[in-house]
PDB file of N, CA and C in Angstrom:
ATOM      1  N   MET A   1     -17.590   1.958   0.442  1.00  0.00           N
ATOM      2  CA  MET A   1     -16.243   1.580   0.827  1.00  0.00           C
ATOM      3  C   MET A   1     -15.660   2.645   1.746  1.00  0.00           C
ATOM      4  N   ALA A   2     -14.732   2.209   2.567  1.00  0.00           N
ATOM      5  CA  ALA A   2     -14.055   3.103   3.506  1.00  0.00           C
ATOM      6  C   ALA A   2     -12.553   3.029   3.270  1.00  0.00           C
ATOM      7  N   ALA A   3     -11.837   4.014   3.776  1.00  0.00           N
ATOM      8  CA  ALA A   3     -10.381   4.064   3.622  1.00  0.00           C
ATOM      9  C   ALA A   3      -9.714   3.820   4.977  1.00  0.00           C
ATOM     10  N   PHE A   4      -8.591   3.105   4.934  1.00  0.00           N
ATOM     11  CA  PHE A   4      -7.837   2.761   6.134  1.00  0.00           C
ATOM     12  C   PHE A   4      -6.357   3.022   5.871  1.00  0.00           C
ATOM     13  N   LEU A   5      -5.753   3.817   6.747  1.00  0.00           N
ATOM     14  CA  LEU A   5      -4.320   4.091   6.644  1.00  0.00           C
ATOM     15  C   LEU A   5      -3.568   3.056   7.469  1.00  0.00           C
ATOM     16  N   PHE A   6      -2.657   2.348   6.829  1.00  0.00           N
ATOM     17  CA  PHE A   6      -1.822   1.374   7.535  1.00  0.00           C
ATOM     18  C   PHE A   6      -0.415   1.921   7.669  1.00  0.00           C
ATOM     19  N   GLN A   7       0.114   1.798   8.870  1.00  0.00           N
ATOM     20  CA  GLN A   7       1.501   2.145   9.163  1.00  0.00           C
ATOM     21  C   GLN A   7       2.196   0.818   9.441  1.00  0.00           C
ATOM     22  N   LEU A   8       3.156   0.468   8.600  1.00  0.00           N
ATOM     23  CA  LEU A   8       3.815  -0.831   8.662  1.00  0.00           C
ATOM     24  C   LEU A   8       5.302  -0.622   8.921  1.00  0.00           C
ATOM     25  N   GLU A   9       5.810  -1.255   9.947  1.00  0.00           N
ATOM     26  CA  GLU A   9       7.223  -1.098  10.300  1.00  0.00           C
ATOM     27  C   GLU A   9       8.010  -2.307   9.800  1.00  0.00           C
ATOM     28  N   LEU A  10       9.184  -2.027   9.234  1.00  0.00           N
ATOM     29  CA  LEU A  10      10.058  -3.075   8.700  1.00  0.00           C
ATOM     30  C   LEU A  10      11.374  -3.116   9.463  1.00  0.00           C
ATOM     31  N   PRO A  11      11.958  -4.312   9.605  1.00  0.00           N
ATOM     32  CA  PRO A  11      13.283  -4.411  10.222  1.00  0.00           C
ATOM     33  C   PRO A  11      14.356  -4.035   9.204  1.00  0.00           C
ATOM     34  N   GLU A  12      15.587  -4.144   9.586  1.00  0.00           N
ATOM     35  CA  GLU A  12      16.698  -3.911   8.669  1.00  0.00           C
ATOM     36  C   GLU A  12      16.617  -4.915   7.517  1.00  0.00           C
ATOM     37  N   MET A  13      16.955  -4.466   6.328  1.00  0.00           N
ATOM     38  CA  MET A  13      16.834  -5.281   5.121  1.00  0.00           C
ATOM     39  C   MET A  13      17.711  -6.533   5.190  1.00  0.00           C
ATOM     40  N   THR A  14      17.124  -7.653   4.810  1.00  0.00           N
ATOM     41  CA  THR A  14      17.856  -8.922   4.723  1.00  0.00           C
ATOM     42  C   THR A  14      17.806  -9.396   3.271  1.00  0.00           C
ATOM     43  N   ASP A  15      18.603 -10.390   2.947  1.00  0.00           N
ATOM     44  CA  ASP A  15      18.585 -10.932   1.586  1.00  0.00           C
ATOM     45  C   ASP A  15      17.227 -11.531   1.237  1.00  0.00           C
ATOM     46  N   SER A  16      16.590 -12.216   2.188  1.00  0.00           N
ATOM     47  CA  SER A  16      15.285 -12.818   1.908  1.00  0.00           C
ATOM     48  C   SER A  16      14.213 -11.745   1.706  1.00  0.00           C
ATOM     49  N   MET A  17      14.310 -10.644   2.455  1.00  0.00           N
ATOM     50  CA  MET A  17      13.379  -9.530   2.241  1.00  0.00           C
ATOM     51  C   MET A  17      13.577  -8.936   0.859  1.00  0.00           C
ATOM     52  N   ALA A  18      14.821  -8.693   0.498  1.00  0.00           N
ATOM     53  CA  ALA A  18      15.130  -8.102  -0.801  1.00  0.00           C
ATOM     54  C   ALA A  18      14.628  -8.979  -1.944  1.00  0.00           C
ATOM     55  N   ALA A  19      14.728 -10.289  -1.771  1.00  0.00           N
ATOM     56  CA  ALA A  19      14.269 -11.208  -2.803  1.00  0.00           C
ATOM     57  C   ALA A  19      12.746 -11.187  -2.957  1.00  0.00           C
ATOM     58  N   THR A  20      12.031 -10.768  -1.925  1.00  0.00           N
ATOM     59  CA  THR A  20      10.565 -10.733  -1.937  1.00  0.00           C
ATOM     60  C   THR A  20      10.025  -9.438  -2.536  1.00  0.00           C
ATOM     61  N   ILE A  21      10.843  -8.415  -2.627  1.00  0.00           N
ATOM     62  CA  ILE A  21      10.378  -7.094  -3.070  1.00  0.00           C
ATOM     63  C   ILE A  21       9.746  -7.108  -4.459  1.00  0.00           C
ATOM     64  N   PRO A  22      10.325  -7.754  -5.483  1.00  0.00           N
ATOM     65  CA  PRO A  22       9.664  -7.726  -6.802  1.00  0.00           C
ATOM     66  C   PRO A  22       8.249  -8.315  -6.769  1.00  0.00           C
ATOM     67  N   LEU A  23       8.053  -9.418  -6.062  1.00  0.00           N
ATOM     68  CA  LEU A  23       6.730 -10.023  -5.928  1.00  0.00           C
ATOM     69  C   LEU A  23       5.780  -9.076  -5.176  1.00  0.00           C
ATOM     70  N   HIS A  24       6.294  -8.433  -4.128  1.00  0.00           N
ATOM     71  CA  HIS A  24       5.501  -7.491  -3.341  1.00  0.00           C
ATOM     72  C   HIS A  24       5.065  -6.302  -4.203  1.00  0.00           C
ATOM     73  N   ARG A  25       5.995  -5.755  -4.962  1.00  0.00           N
ATOM     74  CA  ARG A  25       5.663  -4.596  -5.815  1.00  0.00           C
ATOM     75  C   ARG A  25       4.619  -4.956  -6.860  1.00  0.00           C
ATOM     76  N   ALA A  26       4.739  -6.146  -7.449  1.00  0.00           N
ATOM     77  CA  ALA A  26       3.747  -6.584  -8.437  1.00  0.00           C
ATOM     78  C   ALA A  26       2.370  -6.722  -7.785  1.00  0.00           C
ATOM     79  N   HIS A  27       2.343  -7.238  -6.566  1.00  0.00           N
ATOM     80  CA  HIS A  27       1.080  -7.401  -5.834  1.00  0.00           C
ATOM     81  C   HIS A  27       0.453  -6.036  -5.523  1.00  0.00           C
ATOM     82  N   ILE A  28       1.266  -5.092  -5.062  1.00  0.00           N
ATOM     83  CA  ILE A  28       0.771  -3.736  -4.767  1.00  0.00           C
ATOM     84  C   ILE A  28       0.267  -3.075  -6.041  1.00  0.00           C
ATOM     85  N   ASN A  29       0.989  -3.223  -7.140  1.00  0.00           N
ATOM     86  CA  ASN A  29       0.552  -2.641  -8.416  1.00  0.00           C
ATOM     87  C   ASN A  29      -0.794  -3.210  -8.854  1.00  0.00           C
ATOM     88  N   LYS A  30      -0.991  -4.519  -8.662  1.00  0.00           N
ATOM     89  CA  LYS A  30      -2.258  -5.162  -9.007  1.00  0.00           C
ATOM     90  C   LYS A  30      -3.388  -4.600  -8.144  1.00  0.00           C
ATOM     91  N   LEU A  31      -3.152  -4.500  -6.833  1.00  0.00           N
ATOM     92  CA  LEU A  31      -4.174  -3.946  -5.935  1.00  0.00           C
ATOM     93  C   LEU A  31      -4.462  -2.483  -6.248  1.00  0.00           C
ATOM     94  N   SER A  32      -3.448  -1.745  -6.667  1.00  0.00           N
ATOM     95  CA  SER A  32      -3.657  -0.340  -7.056  1.00  0.00           C
ATOM     96  C   SER A  32      -4.533  -0.256  -8.301  1.00  0.00           C
ATOM     97  N   ALA A  33      -4.246  -1.105  -9.275  1.00  0.00           N
ATOM     98  CA  ALA A  33      -5.042  -1.108 -10.513  1.00  0.00           C
ATOM     99  C   ALA A  33      -6.495  -1.481 -10.236  1.00  0.00           C
ATOM    100  N   GLU A  34      -6.717  -2.304  -9.216  1.00  0.00           N
ATOM    101  CA  GLU A  34      -8.072  -2.702  -8.831  1.00  0.00           C
ATOM    102  C   GLU A  34      -8.769  -1.659  -7.959  1.00  0.00           C
ATOM    103  N   GLY A  35      -8.039  -0.607  -7.564  1.00  0.00           N
ATOM    104  CA  GLY A  35      -8.607   0.427  -6.702  1.00  0.00           C
ATOM    105  C   GLY A  35      -8.640   0.044  -5.238  1.00  0.00           C
ATOM    106  N   ARG A  36      -7.910  -0.984  -4.843  1.00  0.00           N
ATOM    107  CA  ARG A  36      -7.888  -1.431  -3.451  1.00  0.00           C
ATOM    108  C   ARG A  36      -6.805  -0.718  -2.657  1.00  0.00           C
ATOM    109  N   VAL A  37      -5.641  -0.461  -3.277  1.00  0.00           N
ATOM    110  CA  VAL A  37      -4.582   0.337  -2.653  1.00  0.00           C
ATOM    111  C   VAL A  37      -4.640   1.716  -3.296  1.00  0.00           C
ATOM    112  N   LEU A  38      -4.954   2.724  -2.479  1.00  0.00           N
ATOM    113  CA  LEU A  38      -5.107   4.085  -2.991  1.00  0.00           C
ATOM    114  C   LEU A  38      -3.794   4.848  -3.002  1.00  0.00           C
ATOM    115  N   SER A  39      -2.912   4.528  -2.063  1.00  0.00           N
ATOM    116  CA  SER A  39      -1.581   5.137  -2.047  1.00  0.00           C
ATOM    117  C   SER A  39      -0.637   4.208  -1.307  1.00  0.00           C
ATOM    118  N   TYR A  40       0.649   4.334  -1.627  1.00  0.00           N
ATOM    119  CA  TYR A  40       1.659   3.459  -1.037  1.00  0.00           C
ATOM    120  C   TYR A  40       2.959   4.244  -0.974  1.00  0.00           C
ATOM    121  N   SER A  41       3.498   4.402   0.226  1.00  0.00           N
ATOM    122  CA  SER A  41       4.728   5.183   0.424  1.00  0.00           C
ATOM    123  C   SER A  41       5.701   4.413   1.302  1.00  0.00           C
ATOM    124  N   VAL A  42       6.989   4.543   0.975  1.00  0.00           N
ATOM    125  CA  VAL A  42       8.055   3.913   1.754  1.00  0.00           C
ATOM    126  C   VAL A  42       9.008   5.013   2.207  1.00  0.00           C
ATOM    127  N   SER A  43       9.404   4.979   3.470  1.00  0.00           N
ATOM    128  CA  SER A  43      10.333   5.986   3.982  1.00  0.00           C
ATOM    129  C   SER A  43      11.704   5.821   3.326  1.00  0.00           C
ATOM    130  N   ALA A  44      12.465   6.911   3.277  1.00  0.00           N
ATOM    131  CA  ALA A  44      13.807   6.876   2.697  1.00  0.00           C
ATOM    132  C   ALA A  44      14.705   5.888   3.440  1.00  0.00           C
ATOM    133  N   ALA A  45      14.456   5.721   4.717  1.00  0.00           N
ATOM    134  CA  ALA A  45      15.249   4.779   5.520  1.00  0.00           C
ATOM    135  C   ALA A  45      14.818   3.328   5.287  1.00  0.00           C
ATOM    136  N   ARG A  46      13.743   3.126   4.531  1.00  0.00           N
ATOM    137  CA  ARG A  46      13.209   1.799   4.207  1.00  0.00           C
ATOM    138  C   ARG A  46      12.769   1.005   5.434  1.00  0.00           C
ATOM    139  N   ASN A  47      12.377   1.726   6.472  1.00  0.00           N
ATOM    140  CA  ASN A  47      11.933   1.029   7.681  1.00  0.00           C
ATOM    141  C   ASN A  47      10.448   1.243   7.979  1.00  0.00           C
ATOM    142  N   MET A  48       9.782   2.079   7.201  1.00  0.00           N
ATOM    143  CA  MET A  48       8.354   2.347   7.405  1.00  0.00           C
ATOM    144  C   MET A  48       7.645   2.356   6.050  1.00  0.00           C
ATOM    145  N   VAL A  49       6.424   1.838   6.070  1.00  0.00           N
ATOM    146  CA  VAL A  49       5.548   1.872   4.898  1.00  0.00           C
ATOM    147  C   VAL A  49       4.219   2.447   5.355  1.00  0.00           C
ATOM    148  N   TRP A  50       3.645   3.311   4.534  1.00  0.00           N
ATOM    149  CA  TRP A  50       2.305   3.821   4.785  1.00  0.00           C
ATOM    150  C   TRP A  50       1.490   3.528   3.538  1.00  0.00           C
ATOM    151  N   CYS A  51       0.329   2.944   3.727  1.00  0.00           N
ATOM    152  CA  CYS A  51      -0.535   2.708   2.569  1.00  0.00           C
ATOM    153  C   CYS A  51      -1.983   2.940   2.977  1.00  0.00           C
ATOM    154  N   VAL A  52      -2.756   3.399   2.008  1.00  0.00           N
ATOM    155  CA  VAL A  52      -4.177   3.608   2.225  1.00  0.00           C
ATOM    156  C   VAL A  52      -4.911   2.531   1.436  1.00  0.00           C
ATOM    157  N   ILE A  53      -5.729   1.784   2.159  1.00  0.00           N
ATOM    158  CA  ILE A  53      -6.478   0.659   1.605  1.00  0.00           C
ATOM    159  C   ILE A  53      -7.953   1.032   1.508  1.00  0.00           C
ATOM    160  N   ASN A  54      -8.568   0.685   0.401  1.00  0.00           N
ATOM    161  CA  ASN A  54      -9.991   0.892   0.177  1.00  0.00           C
ATOM    162  C   ASN A  54     -10.693  -0.445   0.411  1.00  0.00           C
ATOM    163  N   ALA A  55     -11.565  -0.527   1.420  1.00  0.00           N
ATOM    164  CA  ALA A  55     -12.225  -1.782   1.758  1.00  0.00           C
ATOM    165  C   ALA A  55     -13.585  -1.515   2.391  1.00  0.00           C
ATOM    166  N   GLU A  56     -14.393  -2.549   2.475  1.00  0.00           N
ATOM    167  CA  GLU A  56     -15.716  -2.433   3.087  1.00  0.00           C
ATOM    168  C   GLU A  56     -15.622  -2.151   4.584  1.00  0.00           C
ATOM    169  N   ASP A  57     -14.665  -2.795   5.255  1.00  0.00           N
ATOM    170  CA  ASP A  57     -14.510  -2.616   6.696  1.00  0.00           C
ATOM    171  C   ASP A  57     -13.049  -2.907   7.071  1.00  0.00           C
ATOM    172  N   GLU A  58     -12.731  -2.695   8.345  1.00  0.00           N
ATOM    173  CA  GLU A  58     -11.356  -2.853   8.811  1.00  0.00           C
ATOM    174  C   GLU A  58     -10.869  -4.297   8.660  1.00  0.00           C
ATOM    175  N   GLN A  59     -11.746  -5.246   8.867  1.00  0.00           N
ATOM    176  CA  GLN A  59     -11.350  -6.655   8.739  1.00  0.00           C
ATOM    177  C   GLN A  59     -10.923  -6.968   7.302  1.00  0.00           C
ATOM    178  N   GLU A  60     -11.693  -6.486   6.326  1.00  0.00           N
ATOM    179  CA  GLU A  60     -11.337  -6.718   4.925  1.00  0.00           C
ATOM    180  C   GLU A  60     -10.019  -6.026   4.593  1.00  0.00           C
ATOM    181  N   ALA A  61      -9.816  -4.811   5.115  1.00  0.00           N
ATOM    182  CA  ALA A  61      -8.568  -4.086   4.879  1.00  0.00           C
ATOM    183  C   ALA A  61      -7.387  -4.865   5.458  1.00  0.00           C
ATOM    184  N   MET A  62      -7.565  -5.391   6.672  1.00  0.00           N
ATOM    185  CA  MET A  62      -6.493  -6.160   7.309  1.00  0.00           C
ATOM    186  C   MET A  62      -6.202  -7.435   6.522  1.00  0.00           C
ATOM    187  N   GLU A  63      -7.222  -8.075   5.977  1.00  0.00           N
ATOM    188  CA  GLU A  63      -7.012  -9.272   5.169  1.00  0.00           C
ATOM    189  C   GLU A  63      -6.186  -8.960   3.925  1.00  0.00           C
ATOM    190  N   LEU A  64      -6.395  -7.777   3.334  1.00  0.00           N
ATOM    191  CA  LEU A  64      -5.570  -7.373   2.189  1.00  0.00           C
ATOM    192  C   LEU A  64      -4.109  -7.223   2.603  1.00  0.00           C
ATOM    193  N   VAL A  65      -3.878  -6.585   3.744  1.00  0.00           N
ATOM    194  CA  VAL A  65      -2.508  -6.392   4.228  1.00  0.00           C
ATOM    195  C   VAL A  65      -1.872  -7.742   4.574  1.00  0.00           C
ATOM    196  N   LEU A  66      -2.652  -8.653   5.154  1.00  0.00           N
ATOM    197  CA  LEU A  66      -2.141  -9.992   5.460  1.00  0.00           C
ATOM    198  C   LEU A  66      -1.677 -10.716   4.200  1.00  0.00           C
ATOM    199  N   GLY A  67      -2.231 -10.362   3.050  1.00  0.00           N
ATOM    200  CA  GLY A  67      -1.852 -10.970   1.778  1.00  0.00           C
ATOM    201  C   GLY A  67      -0.623 -10.362   1.126  1.00  0.00           C
ATOM    202  N   PHE A  68      -0.084  -9.285   1.709  1.00  0.00           N
ATOM    203  CA  PHE A  68       1.120  -8.673   1.142  1.00  0.00           C
ATOM    204  C   PHE A  68       2.281  -9.669   1.235  1.00  0.00           C
ATOM    205  N   PRO A  69       3.033  -9.871   0.169  1.00  0.00           N
ATOM    206  CA  PRO A  69       4.179 -10.776   0.235  1.00  0.00           C
ATOM    207  C   PRO A  69       5.199 -10.418   1.321  1.00  0.00           C
ATOM    208  N   LEU A  70       5.333  -9.148   1.663  1.00  0.00           N
ATOM    209  CA  LEU A  70       6.280  -8.746   2.707  1.00  0.00           C
ATOM    210  C   LEU A  70       5.688  -8.825   4.110  1.00  0.00           C
ATOM    211  N   TYR A  71       4.422  -9.236   4.232  1.00  0.00           N
ATOM    212  CA  TYR A  71       3.769  -9.217   5.534  1.00  0.00           C
ATOM    213  C   TYR A  71       4.569  -9.941   6.615  1.00  0.00           C
ATOM    214  N   GLN A  72       5.167 -11.064   6.285  1.00  0.00           N
ATOM    215  CA  GLN A  72       5.918 -11.850   7.281  1.00  0.00           C
ATOM    216  C   GLN A  72       7.071 -11.065   7.910  1.00  0.00           C
ATOM    217  N   TYR A  73       7.507  -9.998   7.243  1.00  0.00           N
ATOM    218  CA  TYR A  73       8.632  -9.206   7.756  1.00  0.00           C
ATOM    219  C   TYR A  73       8.186  -7.988   8.574  1.00  0.00           C
ATOM    220  N   PHE A  74       6.915  -7.603   8.505  1.00  0.00           N
ATOM    221  CA  PHE A  74       6.454  -6.433   9.242  1.00  0.00           C
ATOM    222  C   PHE A  74       6.606  -6.681  10.743  1.00  0.00           C
ATOM    223  N   THR A  75       7.252  -5.747  11.429  1.00  0.00           N
ATOM    224  CA  THR A  75       7.430  -5.893  12.876  1.00  0.00           C
ATOM    225  C   THR A  75       6.300  -5.229  13.651  1.00  0.00           C
ATOM    226  N   GLU A  76       5.595  -4.322  12.995  1.00  0.00           N
ATOM    227  CA  GLU A  76       4.435  -3.682  13.618  1.00  0.00           C
ATOM    228  C   GLU A  76       3.463  -3.271  12.524  1.00  0.00           C
ATOM    229  N   VAL A  77       2.185  -3.499  12.780  1.00  0.00           N
ATOM    230  CA  VAL A  77       1.125  -3.119  11.847  1.00  0.00           C
ATOM    231  C   VAL A  77       0.098  -2.323  12.635  1.00  0.00           C
ATOM    232  N   VAL A  78      -0.126  -1.078  12.215  1.00  0.00           N
ATOM    233  CA  VAL A  78      -1.108  -0.219  12.882  1.00  0.00           C
ATOM    234  C   VAL A  78      -2.096   0.250  11.821  1.00  0.00           C
ATOM    235  N   CYS A  79      -3.387   0.122  12.132  1.00  0.00           N
ATOM    236  CA  CYS A  79      -4.444   0.542  11.213  1.00  0.00           C
ATOM    237  C   CYS A  79      -5.164   1.755  11.793  1.00  0.00           C
ATOM    238  N   HIS A  80      -5.352   2.763  10.952  1.00  0.00           N
ATOM    239  CA  HIS A  80      -6.081   3.969  11.334  1.00  0.00           C
ATOM    240  C   HIS A  80      -7.255   4.144  10.372  1.00  0.00           C
ATOM    241  N   PRO A  81      -8.493   3.933  10.815  1.00  0.00           N
ATOM    242  CA  PRO A  81      -9.644   4.209   9.940  1.00  0.00           C
ATOM    243  C   PRO A  81      -9.675   5.701   9.605  1.00  0.00           C
ATOM    244  N   LEU A  82      -9.915   6.017   8.356  1.00  0.00           N
ATOM    245  CA  LEU A  82      -9.924   7.406   7.897  1.00  0.00           C
ATOM    246  C   LEU A  82     -11.353   7.888   7.662  1.00  0.00           C
ATOM    247  N   LEU A  83     -11.586   9.158   7.953  1.00  0.00           N
ATOM    248  CA  LEU A  83     -12.872   9.766   7.640  1.00  0.00           C
ATOM    249  C   LEU A  83     -12.987   9.954   6.127  1.00  0.00           C
ATOM    250  N   PHE A  84     -11.901  10.413   5.504  1.00  0.00           N
ATOM    251  CA  PHE A  84     -11.829  10.523   4.049  1.00  0.00           C
ATOM    252  C   PHE A  84     -10.367  10.553   3.636  1.00  0.00           C
ATOM    253  N   HIS A  85     -10.139  10.310   2.349  1.00  0.00           N
ATOM    254  CA  HIS A  85      -8.785  10.319   1.786  1.00  0.00           C
ATOM    255  C   HIS A  85      -8.852  11.006   0.438  1.00  0.00           C
ATOM    256  N   ASN A  86      -8.272  12.196   0.340  1.00  0.00           N
ATOM    257  CA  ASN A  86      -8.239  12.955  -0.908  1.00  0.00           C
ATOM    258  C   ASN A  86      -6.877  12.816  -1.560  1.00  0.00           C
ATOM    259  N   THR A  87      -6.871  12.689  -2.873  1.00  0.00           N
ATOM    260  CA  THR A  87      -5.622  12.680  -3.627  1.00  0.00           C
ATOM    261  C   THR A  87      -5.759  13.619  -4.808  1.00  0.00           C
ATOM    262  N   ILE A  88      -4.646  14.066  -5.297  1.00  0.00           N
ATOM    263  CA  ILE A  88      -4.627  14.921  -6.482  1.00  0.00           C
ATOM    264  C   ILE A  88      -4.540  14.010  -7.693  1.00  0.00           C
ATOM    265  N   PRO A  89      -5.467  14.124  -8.636  1.00  0.00           N
ATOM    266  CA  PRO A  89      -5.413  13.253  -9.810  1.00  0.00           C
ATOM    267  C   PRO A  89      -4.160  13.521 -10.635  1.00  0.00           C
ATOM    268  N   ALA A  90      -3.629  12.473 -11.223  1.00  0.00           N
ATOM    269  CA  ALA A  90      -2.462  12.620 -12.096  1.00  0.00           C
ATOM    270  C   ALA A  90      -2.845  13.458 -13.310  1.00  0.00           C
ATOM    271  N   ALA A  91      -1.933  14.328 -13.692  1.00  0.00           N
ATOM    272  CA  ALA A  91      -2.191  15.179 -14.844  1.00  0.00           C
ATOM    273  C   ALA A  91      -2.091  14.355 -16.138  1.00  0.00           C
ATOM    274  N   ILE A  92      -3.139  14.424 -16.927  1.00  0.00           N
ATOM    275  CA  ILE A  92      -3.149  13.719 -18.216  1.00  0.00           C
ATOM    276  C   ILE A  92      -3.140  14.783 -19.290  1.00  0.00           C
ATOM    277  N   PRO A  93      -2.177  14.692 -20.207  1.00  0.00           N
ATOM    278  CA  PRO A  93      -2.107  15.710 -21.250  1.00  0.00           C
ATOM    279  C   PRO A  93      -3.377  15.695 -22.118  1.00  0.00           C
ATOM    280  N   GLY A  94      -3.734  16.868 -22.584  1.00  0.00           N
ATOM    281  CA  GLY A  94      -4.915  16.987 -23.438  1.00  0.00           C
ATOM    282  C   GLY A  94      -4.729  16.249 -24.753  1.00  0.00           C
ATOM    283  N   ILE A  95      -5.809  15.824 -25.357  1.00  0.00           N
ATOM    284  CA  ILE A  95      -5.779  15.099 -26.622  1.00  0.00           C
ATOM    285  C   ILE A  95      -5.798  16.109 -27.761  1.00  0.00           C
ATOM    286  N   SER A  96      -4.888  15.930 -28.694  1.00  0.00           N
ATOM    287  CA  SER A  96      -4.842  16.787 -29.874  1.00  0.00           C
ATOM    288  C   SER A  96      -5.519  16.079 -31.037  1.00  0.00           C
ATOM    289  N   LEU A  97      -6.438  16.742 -31.700  1.00  0.00           N
ATOM    290  CA  LEU A  97      -7.150  16.134 -32.817  1.00  0.00           C
ATOM    291  C   LEU A  97      -6.438  16.376 -34.142  1.00  0.00           C
ATOM    292  N   ASN A  98      -5.215  16.882 -34.104  1.00  0.00           N
ATOM    293  CA  ASN A  98      -4.463  17.133 -35.346  1.00  0.00           C
ATOM    294  C   ASN A  98      -3.880  15.876 -35.898  1.00  0.00           C
TER     295      ASN A  98
END
């Protein structure tokens, strides 16, 4: 599998966009649990999204992005194939046998 960084531009928030956000978040959470979305970030201004997709090739990665519920609102979609993508694992507290 390869990693692809997507830069997604959003217009100003509308009521229909806002109504789609819960469905979009659930979809992203599902893809994250499946290991398909490795990271997902939204700018404070809510006009840019960056996500790293894990896929066999760029076409498969783009098909995943096309399935995002918010896709219809993206004003620009840019894909950057990555050589590698490192993340810091979440800290899990040690298990106590007491």
